[in-house]
Amino acid sequence: MSLIATYIMASFTAPENIGTTAQSMLWLLPLVAAIAVIYKATKVQTITADKFTKEALVLFGSIIVFIIVAALTLHALAWLITE
């Protein structure tokens, strides 16, 4: 096995430390985009570029809105409990 392949495989043995800052939450966007595209690819009956793109973007937006609402709700709940 080559040295590069060994380093790549070794990088998966320890989790990446991302943190909890607002900037680090941007790592969520590629994950949500991948989920939306893969989910729509399995659920759309006929894949056309315009319909597929529109439905994947709507799903992407709805997931992001749900995450924001859930985060704000949990933040408000934590604030109420600690005050």
PDB file of N, CA and C in Angstrom:
ATOM      1  N   MET A   1       0.846  -1.167   0.000  1.00  0.00           N
ATOM      2  CA  MET A   1       0.000   0.000   0.000  1.00  0.00           C
ATOM      3  C   MET A   1       0.896   1.237   0.000  1.00  0.00           C
ATOM      4  N   SER A   2       0.504   2.238  -0.754  1.00  0.00           N
ATOM      5  CA  SER A   2       1.347   3.424  -0.852  1.00  0.00           C
ATOM      6  C   SER A   2       1.256   4.257   0.421  1.00  0.00           C
ATOM      7  N   LEU A   3       2.199   5.131   0.577  1.00  0.00           N
ATOM      8  CA  LEU A   3       2.267   5.984   1.762  1.00  0.00           C
ATOM      9  C   LEU A   3       1.090   6.956   1.806  1.00  0.00           C
ATOM     10  N   ILE A   4       0.693   7.463   0.661  1.00  0.00           N
ATOM     11  CA  ILE A   4      -0.442   8.399   0.611  1.00  0.00           C
ATOM     12  C   ILE A   4      -1.731   7.698   1.023  1.00  0.00           C
ATOM     13  N   ALA A   5      -1.931   6.488   0.534  1.00  0.00           N
ATOM     14  CA  ALA A   5      -3.130   5.737   0.907  1.00  0.00           C
ATOM     15  C   ALA A   5      -3.147   5.443   2.393  1.00  0.00           C
ATOM     16  N   THR A   6      -1.995   5.174   2.974  1.00  0.00           N
ATOM     17  CA  THR A   6      -1.914   4.926   4.409  1.00  0.00           C
ATOM     18  C   THR A   6      -2.303   6.163   5.202  1.00  0.00           C
ATOM     19  N   TYR A   7      -1.824   7.323   4.780  1.00  0.00           N
ATOM     20  CA  TYR A   7      -2.182   8.562   5.470  1.00  0.00           C
ATOM     21  C   TYR A   7      -3.672   8.864   5.340  1.00  0.00           C
ATOM     22  N   ILE A   8      -4.228   8.613   4.168  1.00  0.00           N
ATOM     23  CA  ILE A   8      -5.660   8.859   3.969  1.00  0.00           C
ATOM     24  C   ILE A   8      -6.480   7.942   4.864  1.00  0.00           C
ATOM     25  N   MET A   9      -6.127   6.674   4.911  1.00  0.00           N
ATOM     26  CA  MET A   9      -6.865   5.736   5.764  1.00  0.00           C
ATOM     27  C   MET A   9      -6.676   6.066   7.240  1.00  0.00           C
ATOM     28  N   ALA A  10      -5.503   6.535   7.626  1.00  0.00           N
ATOM     29  CA  ALA A  10      -5.249   6.879   9.021  1.00  0.00           C
ATOM     30  C   ALA A  10      -6.032   8.104   9.441  1.00  0.00           C
ATOM     31  N   SER A  11      -6.374   8.978   8.503  1.00  0.00           N
ATOM     32  CA  SER A  11      -7.124  10.180   8.857  1.00  0.00           C
ATOM     33  C   SER A  11      -8.551   9.855   9.273  1.00  0.00           C
ATOM     34  N   PHE A  12      -9.065   8.683   8.929  1.00  0.00           N
ATOM     35  CA  PHE A  12     -10.415   8.288   9.306  1.00  0.00           C
ATOM     36  C   PHE A  12     -10.477   7.626  10.680  1.00  0.00           C
ATOM     37  N   THR A  13      -9.347   7.477  11.360  1.00  0.00           N
ATOM     38  CA  THR A  13      -9.354   6.822  12.666  1.00  0.00           C
ATOM     39  C   THR A  13      -9.660   7.794  13.798  1.00  0.00           C
ATOM     40  N   ALA A  14      -9.537   9.090  13.561  1.00  0.00           N
ATOM     41  CA  ALA A  14      -9.819  10.090  14.589  1.00  0.00           C
ATOM     42  C   ALA A  14     -10.809  11.101  14.013  1.00  0.00           C
ATOM     43  N   PRO A  15     -11.828  11.485  14.781  1.00  0.00           N
ATOM     44  CA  PRO A  15     -12.805  12.435  14.272  1.00  0.00           C
ATOM     45  C   PRO A  15     -12.209  13.824  14.094  1.00  0.00           C
ATOM     46  N   GLU A  16     -12.730  14.551  13.145  1.00  0.00           N
ATOM     47  CA  GLU A  16     -12.292  15.922  12.898  1.00  0.00           C
ATOM     48  C   GLU A  16     -12.925  16.828  13.944  1.00  0.00           C
ATOM     49  N   ASN A  17     -12.132  17.690  14.552  1.00  0.00           N
ATOM     50  CA  ASN A  17     -12.649  18.627  15.539  1.00  0.00           C
ATOM     51  C   ASN A  17     -13.173  19.860  14.808  1.00  0.00           C
ATOM     52  N   ILE A  18     -14.487  20.018  14.774  1.00  0.00           N
ATOM     53  CA  ILE A  18     -15.087  21.124  14.033  1.00  0.00           C
ATOM     54  C   ILE A  18     -15.414  22.283  14.956  1.00  0.00           C
ATOM     55  N   GLY A  19     -15.886  22.037  16.141  1.00  0.00           N
ATOM     56  CA  GLY A  19     -16.210  23.116  17.069  1.00  0.00           C
ATOM     57  C   GLY A  19     -17.684  23.484  16.999  1.00  0.00           C
ATOM     58  N   THR A  20     -18.053  24.514  17.743  1.00  0.00           N
ATOM     59  CA  THR A  20     -19.456  24.915  17.796  1.00  0.00           C
ATOM     60  C   THR A  20     -19.653  26.389  17.505  1.00  0.00           C
ATOM     61  N   THR A  21     -18.748  26.998  16.787  1.00  0.00           N
ATOM     62  CA  THR A  21     -18.922  28.394  16.420  1.00  0.00           C
ATOM     63  C   THR A  21     -19.892  28.506  15.251  1.00  0.00           C
ATOM     64  N   ALA A  22     -20.372  29.718  15.030  1.00  0.00           N
ATOM     65  CA  ALA A  22     -21.319  29.934  13.931  1.00  0.00           C
ATOM     66  C   ALA A  22     -20.659  29.631  12.583  1.00  0.00           C
ATOM     67  N   GLN A  23     -19.394  29.957  12.444  1.00  0.00           N
ATOM     68  CA  GLN A  23     -18.693  29.690  11.196  1.00  0.00           C
ATOM     69  C   GLN A  23     -18.525  28.188  10.957  1.00  0.00           C
ATOM     70  N   SER A  24     -18.324  27.430  12.002  1.00  0.00           N
ATOM     71  CA  SER A  24     -18.144  25.992  11.827  1.00  0.00           C
ATOM     72  C   SER A  24     -19.455  25.296  11.464  1.00  0.00           C
ATOM     73  N   MET A  25     -20.575  25.931  11.741  1.00  0.00           N
ATOM     74  CA  MET A  25     -21.866  25.348  11.373  1.00  0.00           C
ATOM     75  C   MET A  25     -22.085  25.371   9.858  1.00  0.00           C
ATOM     76  N   LEU A  26     -21.251  26.106   9.141  1.00  0.00           N
ATOM     77  CA  LEU A  26     -21.335  26.114   7.671  1.00  0.00           C
ATOM     78  C   LEU A  26     -20.978  24.761   7.079  1.00  0.00           C
ATOM     79  N   TRP A  27     -20.303  23.903   7.852  1.00  0.00           N
ATOM     80  CA  TRP A  27     -20.005  22.549   7.388  1.00  0.00           C
ATOM     81  C   TRP A  27     -21.280  21.739   7.210  1.00  0.00           C
ATOM     82  N   LEU A  28     -22.364  22.229   7.772  1.00  0.00           N
ATOM     83  CA  LEU A  28     -23.646  21.551   7.655  1.00  0.00           C
ATOM     84  C   LEU A  28     -24.212  21.654   6.234  1.00  0.00           C
ATOM     85  N   LEU A  29     -23.884  22.728   5.530  1.00  0.00           N
ATOM     86  CA  LEU A  29     -24.474  22.959   4.202  1.00  0.00           C
ATOM     87  C   LEU A  29     -24.124  21.885   3.167  1.00  0.00           C
ATOM     88  N   PRO A  30     -22.858  21.474   3.024  1.00  0.00           N
ATOM     89  CA  PRO A  30     -22.591  20.396   2.060  1.00  0.00           C
ATOM     90  C   PRO A  30     -23.270  19.081   2.430  1.00  0.00           C
ATOM     91  N   LEU A  31     -23.368  18.806   3.715  1.00  0.00           N
ATOM     92  CA  LEU A  31     -24.044  17.587   4.159  1.00  0.00           C
ATOM     93  C   LEU A  31     -25.529  17.634   3.806  1.00  0.00           C
ATOM     94  N   VAL A  32     -26.172  18.763   4.056  1.00  0.00           N
ATOM     95  CA  VAL A  32     -27.588  18.905   3.732  1.00  0.00           C
ATOM     96  C   VAL A  32     -27.797  18.848   2.224  1.00  0.00           C
ATOM     97  N   ALA A  33     -26.895  19.451   1.452  1.00  0.00           N
ATOM     98  CA  ALA A  33     -27.011  19.391  -0.008  1.00  0.00           C
ATOM     99  C   ALA A  33     -26.901  17.958  -0.509  1.00  0.00           C
ATOM    100  N   ALA A  34     -25.979  17.200   0.037  1.00  0.00           N
ATOM    101  CA  ALA A  34     -25.824  15.801  -0.372  1.00  0.00           C
ATOM    102  C   ALA A  34     -27.058  14.986  -0.005  1.00  0.00           C
ATOM    103  N   ILE A  35     -27.594  15.218   1.179  1.00  0.00           N
ATOM    104  CA  ILE A  35     -28.799  14.499   1.593  1.00  0.00           C
ATOM    105  C   ILE A  35     -29.964  14.827   0.671  1.00  0.00           C
ATOM    106  N   ALA A  36     -30.146  16.108   0.337  1.00  0.00           N
ATOM    107  CA  ALA A  36     -31.256  16.513  -0.515  1.00  0.00           C
ATOM    108  C   ALA A  36     -31.136  15.912  -1.913  1.00  0.00           C
ATOM    109  N   VAL A  37     -29.950  15.939  -2.486  1.00  0.00           N
ATOM    110  CA  VAL A  37     -29.757  15.412  -3.843  1.00  0.00           C
ATOM    111  C   VAL A  37     -29.950  13.900  -3.872  1.00  0.00           C
ATOM    112  N   ILE A  38     -29.374  13.205  -2.924  1.00  0.00           N
ATOM    113  CA  ILE A  38     -29.487  11.740  -2.913  1.00  0.00           C
ATOM    114  C   ILE A  38     -30.922  11.314  -2.635  1.00  0.00           C
ATOM    115  N   TYR A  39     -31.596  11.982  -1.704  1.00  0.00           N
ATOM    116  CA  TYR A  39     -32.980  11.625  -1.398  1.00  0.00           C
ATOM    117  C   TYR A  39     -33.874  11.857  -2.614  1.00  0.00           C
ATOM    118  N   LYS A  40     -33.711  12.990  -3.272  1.00  0.00           N
ATOM    119  CA  LYS A  40     -34.547  13.272  -4.438  1.00  0.00           C
ATOM    120  C   LYS A  40     -34.217  12.345  -5.598  1.00  0.00           C
ATOM    121  N   ALA A  41     -32.965  11.926  -5.711  1.00  0.00           N
ATOM    122  CA  ALA A  41     -32.595  11.002  -6.783  1.00  0.00           C
ATOM    123  C   ALA A  41     -33.277   9.658  -6.609  1.00  0.00           C
ATOM    124  N   THR A  42     -33.565   9.287  -5.367  1.00  0.00           N
ATOM    125  CA  THR A  42     -34.230   8.004  -5.137  1.00  0.00           C
ATOM    126  C   THR A  42     -35.746   8.117  -5.172  1.00  0.00           C
ATOM    127  N   LYS A  43     -36.304   9.327  -5.023  1.00  0.00           N
ATOM    128  CA  LYS A  43     -37.751   9.475  -4.911  1.00  0.00           C
ATOM    129  C   LYS A  43     -38.438  10.033  -6.152  1.00  0.00           C
ATOM    130  N   VAL A  44     -37.727  10.747  -7.024  1.00  0.00           N
ATOM    131  CA  VAL A  44     -38.346  11.341  -8.207  1.00  0.00           C
ATOM    132  C   VAL A  44     -38.616  10.243  -9.236  1.00  0.00           C
ATOM    133  N   GLN A  45     -39.820  10.234  -9.787  1.00  0.00           N
ATOM    134  CA  GLN A  45     -40.178   9.201 -10.761  1.00  0.00           C
ATOM    135  C   GLN A  45     -39.375   9.341 -12.051  1.00  0.00           C
ATOM    136  N   THR A  46     -39.408  10.533 -12.636  1.00  0.00           N
ATOM    137  CA  THR A  46     -38.664  10.807 -13.868  1.00  0.00           C
ATOM    138  C   THR A  46     -37.717  11.962 -13.602  1.00  0.00           C
ATOM    139  N   ILE A  47     -36.450  11.741 -13.832  1.00  0.00           N
ATOM    140  CA  ILE A  47     -35.462  12.780 -13.542  1.00  0.00           C
ATOM    141  C   ILE A  47     -35.253  13.638 -14.784  1.00  0.00           C
ATOM    142  N   THR A  48     -35.676  14.891 -14.674  1.00  0.00           N
ATOM    143  CA  THR A  48     -35.329  15.914 -15.654  1.00  0.00           C
ATOM    144  C   THR A  48     -34.551  16.986 -14.902  1.00  0.00           C
ATOM    145  N   ALA A  49     -33.671  17.662 -15.603  1.00  0.00           N
ATOM    146  CA  ALA A  49     -32.753  18.591 -14.933  1.00  0.00           C
ATOM    147  C   ALA A  49     -33.489  19.696 -14.188  1.00  0.00           C
ATOM    148  N   ASP A  50     -34.478  20.300 -14.808  1.00  0.00           N
ATOM    149  CA  ASP A  50     -35.145  21.424 -14.159  1.00  0.00           C
ATOM    150  C   ASP A  50     -36.011  20.985 -12.983  1.00  0.00           C
ATOM    151  N   LYS A  51     -36.774  19.918 -13.143  1.00  0.00           N
ATOM    152  CA  LYS A  51     -37.634  19.432 -12.067  1.00  0.00           C
ATOM    153  C   LYS A  51     -36.804  18.904 -10.894  1.00  0.00           C
ATOM    154  N   PHE A  52     -35.755  18.150 -11.210  1.00  0.00           N
ATOM    155  CA  PHE A  52     -34.907  17.590 -10.166  1.00  0.00           C
ATOM    156  C   PHE A  52     -34.209  18.694  -9.376  1.00  0.00           C
ATOM    157  N   THR A  53     -33.685  19.700 -10.082  1.00  0.00           N
ATOM    158  CA  THR A  53     -32.993  20.808  -9.421  1.00  0.00           C
ATOM    159  C   THR A  53     -33.951  21.580  -8.523  1.00  0.00           C
ATOM    160  N   LYS A  54     -35.153  21.848  -9.033  1.00  0.00           N
ATOM    161  CA  LYS A  54     -36.134  22.591  -8.249  1.00  0.00           C
ATOM    162  C   LYS A  54     -36.520  21.833  -6.988  1.00  0.00           C
ATOM    163  N   GLU A  55     -36.807  20.552  -7.120  1.00  0.00           N
ATOM    164  CA  GLU A  55     -37.225  19.765  -5.959  1.00  0.00           C
ATOM    165  C   GLU A  55     -36.083  19.585  -4.960  1.00  0.00           C
ATOM    166  N   ALA A  56     -34.868  19.421  -5.438  1.00  0.00           N
ATOM    167  CA  ALA A  56     -33.723  19.289  -4.523  1.00  0.00           C
ATOM    168  C   ALA A  56     -33.476  20.605  -3.787  1.00  0.00           C
ATOM    169  N   LEU A  57     -33.622  21.734  -4.462  1.00  0.00           N
ATOM    170  CA  LEU A  57     -33.446  23.031  -3.805  1.00  0.00           C
ATOM    171  C   LEU A  57     -34.536  23.291  -2.771  1.00  0.00           C
ATOM    172  N   VAL A  58     -35.768  22.902  -3.085  1.00  0.00           N
ATOM    173  CA  VAL A  58     -36.857  23.064  -2.114  1.00  0.00           C
ATOM    174  C   VAL A  58     -36.594  22.202  -0.885  1.00  0.00           C
ATOM    175  N   LEU A  59     -36.163  20.978  -1.081  1.00  0.00           N
ATOM    176  CA  LEU A  59     -35.850  20.104   0.051  1.00  0.00           C
ATOM    177  C   LEU A  59     -34.669  20.654   0.847  1.00  0.00           C
ATOM    178  N   PHE A  60     -33.643  21.142   0.164  1.00  0.00           N
ATOM    179  CA  PHE A  60     -32.487  21.747   0.823  1.00  0.00           C
ATOM    180  C   PHE A  60     -32.931  22.914   1.702  1.00  0.00           C
ATOM    181  N   GLY A  61     -33.756  23.781   1.139  1.00  0.00           N
ATOM    182  CA  GLY A  61     -34.248  24.939   1.894  1.00  0.00           C
ATOM    183  C   GLY A  61     -35.091  24.540   3.085  1.00  0.00           C
ATOM    184  N   SER A  62     -35.947  23.552   2.906  1.00  0.00           N
ATOM    185  CA  SER A  62     -36.812  23.152   4.017  1.00  0.00           C
ATOM    186  C   SER A  62     -36.017  22.501   5.139  1.00  0.00           C
ATOM    187  N   ILE A  63     -34.977  21.752   4.803  1.00  0.00           N
ATOM    188  CA  ILE A  63     -34.121  21.158   5.842  1.00  0.00           C
ATOM    189  C   ILE A  63     -33.383  22.258   6.607  1.00  0.00           C
ATOM    190  N   ILE A  64     -32.852  23.241   5.888  1.00  0.00           N
ATOM    191  CA  ILE A  64     -32.130  24.343   6.530  1.00  0.00           C
ATOM    192  C   ILE A  64     -33.067  25.132   7.438  1.00  0.00           C
ATOM    193  N   VAL A  65     -34.286  25.414   6.969  1.00  0.00           N
ATOM    194  CA  VAL A  65     -35.247  26.152   7.799  1.00  0.00           C
ATOM    195  C   VAL A  65     -35.587  25.356   9.052  1.00  0.00           C
ATOM    196  N   PHE A  66     -35.797  24.055   8.909  1.00  0.00           N
ATOM    197  CA  PHE A  66     -36.093  23.225  10.074  1.00  0.00           C
ATOM    198  C   PHE A  66     -34.933  23.227  11.060  1.00  0.00           C
ATOM    199  N   ILE A  67     -33.711  23.147  10.568  1.00  0.00           N
ATOM    200  CA  ILE A  67     -32.542  23.159  11.457  1.00  0.00           C
ATOM    201  C   ILE A  67     -32.453  24.485  12.202  1.00  0.00           C
ATOM    202  N   ILE A  68     -32.719  25.595  11.512  1.00  0.00           N
ATOM    203  CA  ILE A  68     -32.668  26.912  12.152  1.00  0.00           C
ATOM    204  C   ILE A  68     -33.751  27.038  13.218  1.00  0.00           C
ATOM    205  N   VAL A  69     -34.966  26.600  12.890  1.00  0.00           N
ATOM    206  CA  VAL A  69     -36.063  26.668  13.871  1.00  0.00           C
ATOM    207  C   VAL A  69     -35.753  25.780  15.080  1.00  0.00           C
ATOM    208  N   ALA A  70     -35.246  24.590  14.837  1.00  0.00           N
ATOM    209  CA  ALA A  70     -34.901  23.699  15.949  1.00  0.00           C
ATOM    210  C   ALA A  70     -33.784  24.294  16.802  1.00  0.00           C
ATOM    211  N   ALA A  71     -32.783  24.890  16.176  1.00  0.00           N
ATOM    212  CA  ALA A  71     -31.676  25.489  16.927  1.00  0.00           C
ATOM    213  C   ALA A  71     -32.159  26.669  17.767  1.00  0.00           C
ATOM    214  N   LEU A  72     -33.004  27.515  17.191  1.00  0.00           N
ATOM    215  CA  LEU A  72     -33.524  28.655  17.950  1.00  0.00           C
ATOM    216  C   LEU A  72     -34.409  28.200  19.105  1.00  0.00           C
ATOM    217  N   THR A  73     -35.205  27.172  18.871  1.00  0.00           N
ATOM    218  CA  THR A  73     -36.057  26.638  19.935  1.00  0.00           C
ATOM    219  C   THR A  73     -35.220  26.064  21.070  1.00  0.00           C
ATOM    220  N   LEU A  74     -34.219  25.285  20.725  1.00  0.00           N
ATOM    221  CA  LEU A  74     -33.354  24.713  21.753  1.00  0.00           C
ATOM    222  C   LEU A  74     -32.556  25.786  22.492  1.00  0.00           C
ATOM    223  N   HIS A  75     -32.134  26.813  21.762  1.00  0.00           N
ATOM    224  CA  HIS A  75     -31.407  27.910  22.394  1.00  0.00           C
ATOM    225  C   HIS A  75     -32.314  28.653  23.375  1.00  0.00           C
ATOM    226  N   ALA A  76     -33.551  28.921  22.981  1.00  0.00           N
ATOM    227  CA  ALA A  76     -34.496  29.593  23.870  1.00  0.00           C
ATOM    228  C   ALA A  76     -34.815  28.729  25.086  1.00  0.00           C
ATOM    229  N   LEU A  77     -34.971  27.444  24.883  1.00  0.00           N
ATOM    230  CA  LEU A  77     -35.238  26.532  25.988  1.00  0.00           C
ATOM    231  C   LEU A  77     -34.057  26.493  26.958  1.00  0.00           C
ATOM    232  N   ALA A  78     -32.852  26.431  26.435  1.00  0.00           N
ATOM    233  CA  ALA A  78     -31.675  26.440  27.295  1.00  0.00           C
ATOM    234  C   ALA A  78     -31.561  27.756  28.055  1.00  0.00           C
ATOM    235  N   TRP A  79     -31.901  28.856  27.409  1.00  0.00           N
ATOM    236  CA  TRP A  79     -31.860  30.155  28.063  1.00  0.00           C
ATOM    237  C   TRP A  79     -32.877  30.215  29.197  1.00  0.00           C
ATOM    238  N   LEU A  80     -34.081  29.688  28.961  1.00  0.00           N
ATOM    239  CA  LEU A  80     -35.115  29.682  29.988  1.00  0.00           C
ATOM    240  C   LEU A  80     -34.728  28.812  31.185  1.00  0.00           C
ATOM    241  N   ILE A  81     -34.093  27.698  30.928  1.00  0.00           N
ATOM    242  CA  ILE A  81     -33.703  26.793  31.998  1.00  0.00           C
ATOM    243  C   ILE A  81     -32.567  27.380  32.839  1.00  0.00           C
ATOM    244  N   THR A  82     -31.625  28.035  32.202  1.00  0.00           N
ATOM    245  CA  THR A  82     -30.450  28.541  32.930  1.00  0.00           C
ATOM    246  C   THR A  82     -30.687  29.889  33.570  1.00  0.00           C
ATOM    247  N   GLU A  83     -31.724  30.587  33.222  1.00  0.00           N
ATOM    248  CA  GLU A  83     -31.979  31.920  33.831  1.00  0.00           C
ATOM    249  C   GLU A  83     -32.714  31.822  35.102  1.00  0.00           C
TER     250      GLU A  83
END
